[in-house]
Amino acid sequence: MFAVRGSAAAPGSSPSEARAQEFSDVTRAARSETLAFLAVDHRKMDELTKRVLDGATGEFKKQYQTSLKSLKDAAVSQESISKGRVDQVALGETDNDSATVFVAAGSKVQNKGTKGKVEDRSWRMKLTMAKVDDRWLISKLEFVG
């Protein structure tokens, strides 16, 4: 057992520890919001789309709200079900209230178009995250190659 002498700073209080915590918060939010975005279930679209909107702000929120009716209609008419997964998350540029996050993700999709079979899909996304009231939200989502 080791004894610490002197007045050591509390854990998490150094600038590097605070920055590491911020990076962790951003990547956790990006992972969570990506999973919300990729989740589709024609039987509970209101609940799922509310989750996406809860993690959205700015341009992304406006675009998503604009497409809600067509998104729900398509999910219901195609009897769509999709469960996402996040394979990798990488941080790009970051500052105190914004971050660029790259996400490699996938989903298992089943709908009328797949004739009821489950198909794997792969996605590469660039998320622009904005810190709003101590929460990291998606302000822009782009699919990248």
C-alpha atoms as a PDB file:
ATOM      1  CA  MET A   1       0.000   0.000   0.000  1.00  0.00           C
ATOM      2  CA  PHE A   2       1.355   3.426  -0.949  1.00  0.00           C
ATOM      3  CA  ALA A   3       0.884   6.582   1.049  1.00  0.00           C
ATOM      4  CA  VAL A   4       0.620   9.924  -0.722  1.00  0.00           C
ATOM      5  CA  ARG A   5       2.243  12.821   1.091  1.00  0.00           C
ATOM      6  CA  GLY A   6       1.745  16.486   0.580  1.00  0.00           C
ATOM      7  CA  SER A   7      -1.181  18.294  -0.977  1.00  0.00           C
ATOM      8  CA  ALA A   8      -1.810  16.348  -4.139  1.00  0.00           C
ATOM      9  CA  ALA A   9      -4.529  17.606  -6.453  1.00  0.00           C
ATOM     10  CA  ALA A  10      -7.821  15.772  -6.452  1.00  0.00           C
ATOM     11  CA  PRO A  11      -8.198  13.202  -9.230  1.00  0.00           C
ATOM     12  CA  GLY A  12      -9.517  14.773 -12.417  1.00  0.00           C
ATOM     13  CA  SER A  13      -8.412  18.274 -11.512  1.00  0.00           C
ATOM     14  CA  SER A  14      -5.276  18.581 -13.657  1.00  0.00           C
ATOM     15  CA  PRO A  15      -5.676  20.162 -17.101  1.00  0.00           C
ATOM     16  CA  SER A  16      -4.747  16.911 -18.847  1.00  0.00           C
ATOM     17  CA  GLU A  17      -7.232  14.910 -16.764  1.00  0.00           C
ATOM     18  CA  ALA A  18      -9.965  17.462 -17.446  1.00  0.00           C
ATOM     19  CA  ARG A  19      -9.189  17.294 -21.185  1.00  0.00           C
ATOM     20  CA  ALA A  20      -9.261  13.496 -21.123  1.00  0.00           C
ATOM     21  CA  GLN A  21     -12.664  13.621 -19.401  1.00  0.00           C
ATOM     22  CA  GLU A  22     -13.932  16.044 -22.049  1.00  0.00           C
ATOM     23  CA  PHE A  23     -12.725  13.708 -24.834  1.00  0.00           C
ATOM     24  CA  SER A  24     -14.473  10.819 -23.087  1.00  0.00           C
ATOM     25  CA  ASP A  25     -17.698  12.836 -22.817  1.00  0.00           C
ATOM     26  CA  VAL A  26     -17.596  13.764 -26.522  1.00  0.00           C
ATOM     27  CA  THR A  27     -16.947  10.222 -27.734  1.00  0.00           C
ATOM     28  CA  ARG A  28     -19.591   8.768 -25.389  1.00  0.00           C
ATOM     29  CA  ALA A  29     -22.165  11.247 -26.740  1.00  0.00           C
ATOM     30  CA  ALA A  30     -21.153  10.551 -30.350  1.00  0.00           C
ATOM     31  CA  ARG A  31     -21.522   6.804 -29.779  1.00  0.00           C
ATOM     32  CA  SER A  32     -24.899   7.188 -28.074  1.00  0.00           C
ATOM     33  CA  GLU A  33     -26.292   9.590 -30.676  1.00  0.00           C
ATOM     34  CA  THR A  34     -25.070   7.430 -33.565  1.00  0.00           C
ATOM     35  CA  LEU A  35     -26.868   4.420 -32.090  1.00  0.00           C
ATOM     36  CA  ALA A  36     -30.030   6.508 -31.678  1.00  0.00           C
ATOM     37  CA  PHE A  37     -29.778   7.715 -35.282  1.00  0.00           C
ATOM     38  CA  LEU A  38     -29.332   4.186 -36.659  1.00  0.00           C
ATOM     39  CA  ALA A  39     -32.206   2.695 -34.636  1.00  0.00           C
ATOM     40  CA  VAL A  40     -35.366   2.149 -36.653  1.00  0.00           C
ATOM     41  CA  ASP A  41     -38.415   0.170 -35.646  1.00  0.00           C
ATOM     42  CA  HIS A  42     -41.636   0.816 -37.528  1.00  0.00           C
ATOM     43  CA  ARG A  43     -43.612  -0.076 -34.380  1.00  0.00           C
ATOM     44  CA  LYS A  44     -42.111   2.672 -32.204  1.00  0.00           C
ATOM     45  CA  MET A  45     -40.889   5.482 -34.436  1.00  0.00           C
ATOM     46  CA  ASP A  46     -42.161   8.292 -32.202  1.00  0.00           C
ATOM     47  CA  GLU A  47     -40.024   7.065 -29.303  1.00  0.00           C
ATOM     48  CA  LEU A  48     -36.954   6.508 -31.474  1.00  0.00           C
ATOM     49  CA  THR A  49     -37.125   9.818 -33.316  1.00  0.00           C
ATOM     50  CA  LYS A  50     -37.615  11.665 -30.015  1.00  0.00           C
ATOM     51  CA  ARG A  51     -34.338  10.126 -28.820  1.00  0.00           C
ATOM     52  CA  VAL A  52     -32.533  11.419 -31.910  1.00  0.00           C
ATOM     53  CA  LEU A  53     -33.989  14.902 -31.497  1.00  0.00           C
ATOM     54  CA  ASP A  54     -32.985  14.932 -27.831  1.00  0.00           C
ATOM     55  CA  GLY A  55     -29.350  14.571 -28.892  1.00  0.00           C
ATOM     56  CA  ALA A  56     -29.545  17.055 -31.764  1.00  0.00           C
ATOM     57  CA  THR A  57     -29.046  20.772 -32.206  1.00  0.00           C
ATOM     58  CA  GLY A  58     -28.546  23.329 -34.957  1.00  0.00           C
ATOM     59  CA  GLU A  59     -28.526  22.310 -38.623  1.00  0.00           C
ATOM     60  CA  PHE A  60     -28.857  18.602 -37.914  1.00  0.00           C
ATOM     61  CA  LYS A  61     -31.898  19.082 -35.690  1.00  0.00           C
ATOM     62  CA  LYS A  62     -33.617  21.247 -38.303  1.00  0.00           C
ATOM     63  CA  GLN A  63     -32.934  18.753 -41.101  1.00  0.00           C
ATOM     64  CA  TYR A  64     -34.077  15.811 -39.008  1.00  0.00           C
ATOM     65  CA  GLN A  65     -37.285  17.575 -37.939  1.00  0.00           C
ATOM     66  CA  THR A  66     -38.016  18.421 -41.583  1.00  0.00           C
ATOM     67  CA  SER A  67     -37.675  14.773 -42.606  1.00  0.00           C
ATOM     68  CA  LEU A  68     -39.614  13.222 -39.678  1.00  0.00           C
ATOM     69  CA  LYS A  69     -42.884  12.575 -41.489  1.00  0.00           C
ATOM     70  CA  SER A  70     -41.268  10.950 -44.524  1.00  0.00           C
ATOM     71  CA  LEU A  71     -38.915   8.968 -42.286  1.00  0.00           C
ATOM     72  CA  LYS A  72     -41.790   7.597 -40.193  1.00  0.00           C
ATOM     73  CA  ASP A  73     -43.951   6.918 -43.260  1.00  0.00           C
ATOM     74  CA  ALA A  74     -41.127   5.019 -44.974  1.00  0.00           C
ATOM     75  CA  ALA A  75     -40.351   2.974 -41.855  1.00  0.00           C
ATOM     76  CA  VAL A  76     -44.006   1.980 -41.443  1.00  0.00           C
ATOM     77  CA  SER A  77     -44.688   1.233 -45.113  1.00  0.00           C
ATOM     78  CA  GLN A  78     -41.498  -0.846 -45.432  1.00  0.00           C
ATOM     79  CA  GLU A  79     -41.922  -2.483 -41.997  1.00  0.00           C
ATOM     80  CA  SER A  80     -38.334  -1.457 -41.288  1.00  0.00           C
ATOM     81  CA  ILE A  81     -36.247  -2.561 -38.350  1.00  0.00           C
ATOM     82  CA  SER A  82     -32.620  -1.540 -37.911  1.00  0.00           C
ATOM     83  CA  LYS A  83     -30.276  -1.975 -34.981  1.00  0.00           C
ATOM     84  CA  GLY A  84     -27.013  -0.085 -35.114  1.00  0.00           C
ATOM     85  CA  ARG A  85     -23.581  -0.675 -33.705  1.00  0.00           C
ATOM     86  CA  VAL A  86     -20.557   1.573 -33.370  1.00  0.00           C
ATOM     87  CA  ASP A  87     -17.283  -0.018 -34.415  1.00  0.00           C
ATOM     88  CA  GLN A  88     -14.853   2.891 -33.996  1.00  0.00           C
ATOM     89  CA  VAL A  89     -14.941   6.499 -32.821  1.00  0.00           C
ATOM     90  CA  ALA A  90     -12.116   8.952 -33.511  1.00  0.00           C
ATOM     91  CA  LEU A  91     -11.781  12.580 -32.530  1.00  0.00           C
ATOM     92  CA  GLY A  92     -10.784  15.211 -35.035  1.00  0.00           C
ATOM     93  CA  GLU A  93     -10.547  18.873 -34.135  1.00  0.00           C
ATOM     94  CA  THR A  94     -11.855  19.830 -30.709  1.00  0.00           C
ATOM     95  CA  ASP A  95     -12.172  22.910 -28.553  1.00  0.00           C
ATOM     96  CA  ASN A  96     -14.167  23.826 -25.464  1.00  0.00           C
ATOM     97  CA  ASP A  97     -17.585  23.815 -27.142  1.00  0.00           C
ATOM     98  CA  SER A  98     -17.232  21.962 -30.454  1.00  0.00           C
ATOM     99  CA  ALA A  99     -15.697  18.769 -31.761  1.00  0.00           C
ATOM    100  CA  THR A 100     -15.415  16.821 -34.979  1.00  0.00           C
ATOM    101  CA  VAL A 101     -15.928  13.098 -34.500  1.00  0.00           C
ATOM    102  CA  PHE A 102     -15.501  10.349 -37.080  1.00  0.00           C
ATOM    103  CA  VAL A 103     -17.612   7.236 -36.567  1.00  0.00           C
ATOM    104  CA  ALA A 104     -17.378   3.847 -38.248  1.00  0.00           C
ATOM    105  CA  ALA A 105     -20.677   2.092 -37.657  1.00  0.00           C
ATOM    106  CA  GLY A 106     -22.889  -0.641 -38.956  1.00  0.00           C
ATOM    107  CA  SER A 107     -26.447  -1.779 -38.738  1.00  0.00           C
ATOM    108  CA  LYS A 108     -28.512  -4.885 -39.210  1.00  0.00           C
ATOM    109  CA  VAL A 109     -31.449  -3.938 -41.404  1.00  0.00           C
ATOM    110  CA  GLN A 110     -34.634  -5.845 -42.116  1.00  0.00           C
ATOM    111  CA  ASN A 111     -37.548  -4.578 -44.224  1.00  0.00           C
ATOM    112  CA  LYS A 112     -39.754  -5.413 -47.178  1.00  0.00           C
ATOM    113  CA  GLY A 113     -36.872  -4.563 -49.511  1.00  0.00           C
ATOM    114  CA  THR A 114     -34.725  -7.261 -47.911  1.00  0.00           C
ATOM    115  CA  LYS A 115     -37.688  -9.667 -48.100  1.00  0.00           C
ATOM    116  CA  GLY A 116     -37.486 -10.127 -44.342  1.00  0.00           C
ATOM    117  CA  LYS A 117     -33.814 -11.142 -44.363  1.00  0.00           C
ATOM    118  CA  VAL A 118     -31.400  -9.287 -42.106  1.00  0.00           C
ATOM    119  CA  GLU A 119     -28.699  -7.431 -44.051  1.00  0.00           C
ATOM    120  CA  ASP A 120     -25.536  -5.822 -42.747  1.00  0.00           C
ATOM    121  CA  ARG A 121     -24.876  -2.208 -43.687  1.00  0.00           C
ATOM    122  CA  SER A 122     -21.732  -0.194 -43.042  1.00  0.00           C
ATOM    123  CA  TRP A 123     -21.632   3.537 -42.406  1.00  0.00           C
ATOM    124  CA  ARG A 124     -18.878   6.097 -42.107  1.00  0.00           C
ATOM    125  CA  MET A 125     -19.979   9.383 -40.560  1.00  0.00           C
ATOM    126  CA  LYS A 126     -18.498  12.713 -39.672  1.00  0.00           C
ATOM    127  CA  LEU A 127     -20.291  14.308 -36.747  1.00  0.00           C
ATOM    128  CA  THR A 128     -19.932  17.903 -35.746  1.00  0.00           C
ATOM    129  CA  MET A 129     -20.675  18.054 -32.048  1.00  0.00           C
ATOM    130  CA  ALA A 130     -21.628  21.176 -30.091  1.00  0.00           C
ATOM    131  CA  LYS A 131     -21.581  21.554 -26.329  1.00  0.00           C
ATOM    132  CA  VAL A 132     -24.929  22.938 -25.187  1.00  0.00           C
ATOM    133  CA  ASP A 133     -25.613  23.324 -21.463  1.00  0.00           C
ATOM    134  CA  ASP A 134     -22.893  20.792 -20.542  1.00  0.00           C
ATOM    135  CA  ARG A 135     -24.202  18.217 -23.057  1.00  0.00           C
ATOM    136  CA  TRP A 136     -22.567  17.228 -26.321  1.00  0.00           C
ATOM    137  CA  LEU A 137     -25.128  17.215 -29.161  1.00  0.00           C
ATOM    138  CA  ILE A 138     -24.891  16.539 -32.894  1.00  0.00           C
ATOM    139  CA  SER A 139     -25.091  19.784 -34.851  1.00  0.00           C
ATOM    140  CA  LYS A 140     -24.186  18.282 -38.222  1.00  0.00           C
ATOM    141  CA  LEU A 141     -24.066  14.727 -39.550  1.00  0.00           C
ATOM    142  CA  GLU A 142     -22.399  13.809 -42.828  1.00  0.00           C
ATOM    143  CA  PHE A 143     -21.920  10.433 -44.453  1.00  0.00           C
ATOM    144  CA  VAL A 144     -18.369  10.093 -45.750  1.00  0.00           C
ATOM    145  CA  GLY A 145     -16.631   7.543 -47.975  1.00  0.00           C
END
